[in-house]
């Protein structure tokens, strides 16, 4: 710290070098500069760095909690899906969920067994309904695009038929009663 003639002080960096004359120190040269602003800037940088580290720590903790919550949620969702699949797989009724494009999104075990007969097809999901079965009226197979099921999706109305005939891809003719309703998500 250096003092001015008016008794005020300032922080300084300095370098002192001796002045030699005839191998004897005759004086000293002092070079100095006021570092008040430099030190204030360094303190501000340090404070800002601490603040950033604190924000990173808080955000990391928040993200960690969000990840744990997501893991818990995903686990609960998997458990719920497994429960629902177990329930639907143990129903005697066949359940199919078919997309607007006619692709099977979900088929329970009863539907798979009924529509594939003895040659049980495990992978119905992703198959087009026309590749698995069709509605038969007056001896004519009706493709999905022209079927009443497509109209259920388009018009969002429920349909029930207690005297229908399905023709499976294996050539099996099934007399069925079915209900069809739109799945609104």
C-alpha atoms as a PDB file:
ATOM      1  CA  UNK A   1       0.000   0.000   0.000  1.00  0.00           C
ATOM      2  CA  UNK A   2       1.319   3.395  -0.956  1.00  0.00           C
ATOM      3  CA  UNK A   3       0.422   6.672   0.669  1.00  0.00           C
ATOM      4  CA  UNK A   4      -0.112   9.965  -1.040  1.00  0.00           C
ATOM      5  CA  UNK A   5       0.921  13.304   0.399  1.00  0.00           C
ATOM      6  CA  UNK A   6      -2.743  13.994   1.249  1.00  0.00           C
ATOM      7  CA  UNK A   7      -2.762  10.899   3.537  1.00  0.00           C
ATOM      8  CA  UNK A   8      -4.865   8.819   1.164  1.00  0.00           C
ATOM      9  CA  UNK A   9      -3.638   5.379   0.183  1.00  0.00           C
ATOM     10  CA  UNK A  10      -3.832   3.084  -2.803  1.00  0.00           C
ATOM     11  CA  UNK A  11      -2.860  -0.472  -3.577  1.00  0.00           C
ATOM     12  CA  UNK A  12       0.202  -0.753  -5.761  1.00  0.00           C
ATOM     13  CA  UNK A  13       2.484  -3.223  -7.423  1.00  0.00           C
ATOM     14  CA  UNK A  14       6.070  -2.139  -7.348  1.00  0.00           C
ATOM     15  CA  UNK A  15       9.550  -3.175  -8.324  1.00  0.00           C
ATOM     16  CA  UNK A  16      12.589  -1.829  -6.525  1.00  0.00           C
ATOM     17  CA  UNK A  17      16.121  -2.030  -7.915  1.00  0.00           C
ATOM     18  CA  UNK A  18      19.266  -0.761  -6.193  1.00  0.00           C
ATOM     19  CA  UNK A  19      21.417   1.916  -7.764  1.00  0.00           C
ATOM     20  CA  UNK A  20      25.110   1.016  -7.486  1.00  0.00           C
ATOM     21  CA  UNK A  21      27.903   3.505  -7.656  1.00  0.00           C
ATOM     22  CA  UNK A  22      31.462   2.261  -7.148  1.00  0.00           C
ATOM     23  CA  UNK A  23      30.159  -1.072  -5.946  1.00  0.00           C
ATOM     24  CA  UNK A  24      28.188   0.657  -3.289  1.00  0.00           C
ATOM     25  CA  UNK A  25      24.393   1.052  -3.107  1.00  0.00           C
ATOM     26  CA  UNK A  26      23.753   4.727  -3.501  1.00  0.00           C
ATOM     27  CA  UNK A  27      19.988   4.636  -3.949  1.00  0.00           C
ATOM     28  CA  UNK A  28      17.043   2.755  -5.229  1.00  0.00           C
ATOM     29  CA  UNK A  29      14.784   2.987  -8.236  1.00  0.00           C
ATOM     30  CA  UNK A  30      11.148   2.228  -7.453  1.00  0.00           C
ATOM     31  CA  UNK A  31       8.689   1.613 -10.267  1.00  0.00           C
ATOM     32  CA  UNK A  32       5.048   1.252  -9.216  1.00  0.00           C
ATOM     33  CA  UNK A  33       1.527   1.352 -10.507  1.00  0.00           C
ATOM     34  CA  UNK A  34      -1.890   1.652  -8.913  1.00  0.00           C
ATOM     35  CA  UNK A  35      -3.605  -1.782  -8.982  1.00  0.00           C
ATOM     36  CA  UNK A  36      -6.877  -0.796  -7.317  1.00  0.00           C
ATOM     37  CA  UNK A  37      -8.883  -1.334 -10.511  1.00  0.00           C
ATOM     38  CA  UNK A  38      -6.996  -4.531 -11.342  1.00  0.00           C
ATOM     39  CA  UNK A  39      -7.738  -6.011  -7.916  1.00  0.00           C
ATOM     40  CA  UNK A  40     -11.383  -4.908  -8.096  1.00  0.00           C
ATOM     41  CA  UNK A  41     -11.659  -6.593 -11.494  1.00  0.00           C
ATOM     42  CA  UNK A  42     -10.049  -9.790 -10.157  1.00  0.00           C
ATOM     43  CA  UNK A  43     -12.473  -9.792  -7.183  1.00  0.00           C
ATOM     44  CA  UNK A  44     -15.400  -9.291  -9.566  1.00  0.00           C
ATOM     45  CA  UNK A  45     -14.177 -12.166 -11.756  1.00  0.00           C
ATOM     46  CA  UNK A  46     -13.744 -14.394  -8.686  1.00  0.00           C
ATOM     47  CA  UNK A  47     -17.215 -13.452  -7.387  1.00  0.00           C
ATOM     48  CA  UNK A  48     -18.733 -14.071 -10.816  1.00  0.00           C
ATOM     49  CA  UNK A  49     -16.949 -17.431 -11.044  1.00  0.00           C
ATOM     50  CA  UNK A  50     -18.311 -18.410  -7.612  1.00  0.00           C
ATOM     51  CA  UNK A  51     -21.788 -17.368  -8.713  1.00  0.00           C
ATOM     52  CA  UNK A  52     -21.499 -19.410 -11.922  1.00  0.00           C
ATOM     53  CA  UNK A  53     -20.224 -22.437  -9.985  1.00  0.00           C
ATOM     54  CA  UNK A  54     -23.181 -22.099  -7.606  1.00  0.00           C
ATOM     55  CA  UNK A  55     -25.608 -21.856 -10.536  1.00  0.00           C
ATOM     56  CA  UNK A  56     -24.012 -24.896 -12.197  1.00  0.00           C
ATOM     57  CA  UNK A  57     -24.258 -26.824  -8.926  1.00  0.00           C
ATOM     58  CA  UNK A  58     -27.929 -25.851  -8.476  1.00  0.00           C
ATOM     59  CA  UNK A  59     -28.781 -26.686 -12.098  1.00  0.00           C
ATOM     60  CA  UNK A  60     -26.921 -29.994 -11.881  1.00  0.00           C
ATOM     61  CA  UNK A  61     -28.867 -30.888  -8.740  1.00  0.00           C
ATOM     62  CA  UNK A  62     -32.122 -29.932 -10.459  1.00  0.00           C
ATOM     63  CA  UNK A  63     -31.251 -31.959 -13.573  1.00  0.00           C
ATOM     64  CA  UNK A  64     -30.227 -34.918 -11.431  1.00  0.00           C
ATOM     65  CA  UNK A  65     -33.595 -34.777  -9.666  1.00  0.00           C
ATOM     66  CA  UNK A  66     -35.377 -34.503 -13.025  1.00  0.00           C
ATOM     67  CA  UNK A  67     -33.470 -37.542 -14.312  1.00  0.00           C
ATOM     68  CA  UNK A  68     -34.364 -39.526 -11.172  1.00  0.00           C
ATOM     69  CA  UNK A  69     -38.008 -38.450 -11.509  1.00  0.00           C
ATOM     70  CA  UNK A  70     -37.992 -39.472 -15.158  1.00  0.00           C
ATOM     71  CA  UNK A  71     -36.508 -42.855 -14.251  1.00  0.00           C
ATOM     72  CA  UNK A  72     -39.214 -43.348 -11.597  1.00  0.00           C
ATOM     73  CA  UNK A  73     -41.922 -42.271 -14.054  1.00  0.00           C
ATOM     74  CA  UNK A  74     -40.628 -44.523 -16.818  1.00  0.00           C
ATOM     75  CA  UNK A  75     -40.444 -47.430 -14.379  1.00  0.00           C
ATOM     76  CA  UNK A  76     -44.008 -46.795 -13.222  1.00  0.00           C
ATOM     77  CA  UNK A  77     -45.124 -46.555 -16.857  1.00  0.00           C
ATOM     78  CA  UNK A  78     -43.417 -49.862 -17.723  1.00  0.00           C
ATOM     79  CA  UNK A  79     -45.049 -51.491 -14.679  1.00  0.00           C
ATOM     80  CA  UNK A  80     -48.444 -50.094 -15.688  1.00  0.00           C
ATOM     81  CA  UNK A  81     -48.003 -51.229 -19.289  1.00  0.00           C
ATOM     82  CA  UNK A  82     -46.973 -54.698 -18.114  1.00  0.00           C
ATOM     83  CA  UNK A  83     -50.045 -54.866 -15.848  1.00  0.00           C
ATOM     84  CA  UNK A  84     -52.372 -53.768 -18.643  1.00  0.00           C
ATOM     85  CA  UNK A  85     -50.767 -56.202 -21.087  1.00  0.00           C
ATOM     86  CA  UNK A  86     -51.139 -58.996 -18.536  1.00  0.00           C
ATOM     87  CA  UNK A  87     -54.807 -58.098 -18.064  1.00  0.00           C
ATOM     88  CA  UNK A  88     -55.553 -57.901 -21.789  1.00  0.00           C
ATOM     89  CA  UNK A  89     -53.596 -61.086 -22.513  1.00  0.00           C
ATOM     90  CA  UNK A  90     -55.766 -62.961 -20.039  1.00  0.00           C
ATOM     91  CA  UNK A  91     -59.085 -61.794 -21.447  1.00  0.00           C
ATOM     92  CA  UNK A  92     -61.145 -64.220 -23.506  1.00  0.00           C
ATOM     93  CA  UNK A  93     -62.249 -61.365 -25.764  1.00  0.00           C
ATOM     94  CA  UNK A  94     -60.004 -60.372 -28.634  1.00  0.00           C
ATOM     95  CA  UNK A  95     -58.728 -56.802 -28.569  1.00  0.00           C
ATOM     96  CA  UNK A  96     -57.159 -55.019 -31.516  1.00  0.00           C
ATOM     97  CA  UNK A  97     -56.051 -51.415 -31.793  1.00  0.00           C
ATOM     98  CA  UNK A  98     -55.689 -50.376 -35.413  1.00  0.00           C
ATOM     99  CA  UNK A  99     -54.307 -47.076 -36.704  1.00  0.00           C
ATOM    100  CA  UNK A 100     -56.028 -44.854 -39.234  1.00  0.00           C
ATOM    101  CA  UNK A 101     -53.717 -46.285 -41.896  1.00  0.00           C
ATOM    102  CA  UNK A 102     -54.910 -49.809 -41.042  1.00  0.00           C
ATOM    103  CA  UNK A 103     -51.817 -51.006 -39.179  1.00  0.00           C
ATOM    104  CA  UNK A 104     -52.182 -53.005 -35.982  1.00  0.00           C
ATOM    105  CA  UNK A 105     -50.862 -51.062 -33.008  1.00  0.00           C
ATOM    106  CA  UNK A 106     -51.845 -53.622 -30.380  1.00  0.00           C
ATOM    107  CA  UNK A 107     -53.273 -57.134 -30.354  1.00  0.00           C
ATOM    108  CA  UNK A 108     -53.880 -59.183 -27.236  1.00  0.00           C
ATOM    109  CA  UNK A 109     -53.204 -62.931 -27.106  1.00  0.00           C
ATOM    110  CA  UNK A 110     -56.850 -63.852 -27.732  1.00  0.00           C
ATOM    111  CA  UNK A 111     -56.880 -61.795 -30.951  1.00  0.00           C
ATOM    112  CA  UNK A 112     -53.610 -63.318 -32.079  1.00  0.00           C
ATOM    113  CA  UNK A 113     -54.832 -66.835 -31.398  1.00  0.00           C
ATOM    114  CA  UNK A 114     -58.242 -66.285 -32.999  1.00  0.00           C
ATOM    115  CA  UNK A 115     -56.914 -64.619 -36.152  1.00  0.00           C
ATOM    116  CA  UNK A 116     -53.926 -66.875 -36.735  1.00  0.00           C
ATOM    117  CA  UNK A 117     -55.439 -70.193 -35.646  1.00  0.00           C
ATOM    118  CA  UNK A 118     -52.962 -72.938 -34.810  1.00  0.00           C
ATOM    119  CA  UNK A 119     -50.091 -71.124 -36.539  1.00  0.00           C
ATOM    120  CA  UNK A 120     -49.980 -68.468 -33.792  1.00  0.00           C
ATOM    121  CA  UNK A 121     -48.480 -65.260 -35.171  1.00  0.00           C
ATOM    122  CA  UNK A 122     -46.720 -63.409 -32.359  1.00  0.00           C
ATOM    123  CA  UNK A 123     -45.977 -60.188 -34.216  1.00  0.00           C
ATOM    124  CA  UNK A 124     -49.258 -58.572 -35.174  1.00  0.00           C
ATOM    125  CA  UNK A 125     -48.094 -55.093 -34.221  1.00  0.00           C
ATOM    126  CA  UNK A 126     -47.035 -53.205 -37.340  1.00  0.00           C
ATOM    127  CA  UNK A 127     -48.848 -55.563 -39.739  1.00  0.00           C
ATOM    128  CA  UNK A 128     -51.604 -54.162 -41.910  1.00  0.00           C
ATOM    129  CA  UNK A 129     -55.063 -55.444 -40.952  1.00  0.00           C
ATOM    130  CA  UNK A 130     -55.633 -56.636 -44.558  1.00  0.00           C
ATOM    131  CA  UNK A 131     -52.630 -58.963 -44.177  1.00  0.00           C
ATOM    132  CA  UNK A 132     -54.214 -60.587 -41.100  1.00  0.00           C
ATOM    133  CA  UNK A 133     -57.975 -60.617 -41.679  1.00  0.00           C
ATOM    134  CA  UNK A 134     -60.852 -58.893 -43.392  1.00  0.00           C
ATOM    135  CA  UNK A 135     -64.550 -58.406 -42.913  1.00  0.00           C
ATOM    136  CA  UNK A 136     -66.553 -60.578 -45.302  1.00  0.00           C
ATOM    137  CA  UNK A 137     -69.970 -59.500 -46.528  1.00  0.00           C
ATOM    138  CA  UNK A 138     -72.033 -61.542 -48.971  1.00  0.00           C
ATOM    139  CA  UNK A 139     -68.963 -63.628 -49.834  1.00  0.00           C
ATOM    140  CA  UNK A 140     -66.757 -60.583 -50.585  1.00  0.00           C
ATOM    141  CA  UNK A 141     -63.734 -59.560 -48.479  1.00  0.00           C
ATOM    142  CA  UNK A 142     -63.826 -55.856 -47.669  1.00  0.00           C
ATOM    143  CA  UNK A 143     -60.400 -54.168 -47.437  1.00  0.00           C
ATOM    144  CA  UNK A 144     -59.705 -51.973 -44.407  1.00  0.00           C
ATOM    145  CA  UNK A 145     -59.955 -48.722 -46.398  1.00  0.00           C
ATOM    146  CA  UNK A 146     -63.554 -49.562 -47.357  1.00  0.00           C
ATOM    147  CA  UNK A 147     -64.499 -51.221 -44.079  1.00  0.00           C
ATOM    148  CA  UNK A 148     -66.825 -49.882 -41.402  1.00  0.00           C
ATOM    149  CA  UNK A 149     -63.778 -49.841 -39.079  1.00  0.00           C
ATOM    150  CA  UNK A 150     -62.171 -47.114 -41.160  1.00  0.00           C
ATOM    151  CA  UNK A 151     -65.431 -45.134 -40.896  1.00  0.00           C
ATOM    152  CA  UNK A 152     -65.333 -45.515 -37.103  1.00  0.00           C
ATOM    153  CA  UNK A 153     -61.965 -43.749 -37.121  1.00  0.00           C
ATOM    154  CA  UNK A 154     -62.978 -41.100 -39.649  1.00  0.00           C
ATOM    155  CA  UNK A 155     -66.374 -40.303 -38.118  1.00  0.00           C
ATOM    156  CA  UNK A 156     -65.372 -40.975 -34.484  1.00  0.00           C
ATOM    157  CA  UNK A 157     -68.493 -43.057 -33.913  1.00  0.00           C
ATOM    158  CA  UNK A 158     -68.935 -46.415 -32.216  1.00  0.00           C
ATOM    159  CA  UNK A 159     -70.027 -49.426 -34.251  1.00  0.00           C
ATOM    160  CA  UNK A 160     -71.408 -52.795 -33.190  1.00  0.00           C
ATOM    161  CA  UNK A 161     -72.155 -55.857 -35.285  1.00  0.00           C
ATOM    162  CA  UNK A 162     -73.507 -59.030 -33.649  1.00  0.00           C
ATOM    163  CA  UNK A 163     -73.519 -61.089 -36.829  1.00  0.00           C
ATOM    164  CA  UNK A 164     -70.265 -60.570 -38.750  1.00  0.00           C
ATOM    165  CA  UNK A 165     -67.873 -62.840 -40.590  1.00  0.00           C
ATOM    166  CA  UNK A 166     -64.091 -62.436 -40.565  1.00  0.00           C
ATOM    167  CA  UNK A 167     -61.843 -64.147 -43.093  1.00  0.00           C
ATOM    168  CA  UNK A 168     -58.319 -64.738 -41.744  1.00  0.00           C
ATOM    169  CA  UNK A 169     -55.140 -64.721 -43.805  1.00  0.00           C
ATOM    170  CA  UNK A 170     -54.918 -68.495 -43.237  1.00  0.00           C
ATOM    171  CA  UNK A 171     -58.341 -68.944 -44.881  1.00  0.00           C
ATOM    172  CA  UNK A 172     -60.247 -69.539 -41.661  1.00  0.00           C
ATOM    173  CA  UNK A 173     -63.831 -68.203 -41.629  1.00  0.00           C
ATOM    174  CA  UNK A 174     -64.959 -66.853 -38.250  1.00  0.00           C
ATOM    175  CA  UNK A 175     -68.497 -65.932 -37.224  1.00  0.00           C
ATOM    176  CA  UNK A 176     -68.089 -63.105 -34.731  1.00  0.00           C
ATOM    177  CA  UNK A 177     -69.808 -60.328 -32.881  1.00  0.00           C
ATOM    178  CA  UNK A 178     -67.684 -57.207 -32.489  1.00  0.00           C
ATOM    179  CA  UNK A 179     -67.757 -53.684 -31.204  1.00  0.00           C
ATOM    180  CA  UNK A 180     -65.505 -50.980 -32.561  1.00  0.00           C
ATOM    181  CA  UNK A 181     -64.944 -47.527 -31.154  1.00  0.00           C
ATOM    182  CA  UNK A 182     -62.473 -44.751 -31.873  1.00  0.00           C
ATOM    183  CA  UNK A 183     -59.486 -44.445 -29.590  1.00  0.00           C
ATOM    184  CA  UNK A 184     -59.287 -40.790 -28.704  1.00  0.00           C
ATOM    185  CA  UNK A 185     -55.988 -39.759 -27.164  1.00  0.00           C
END
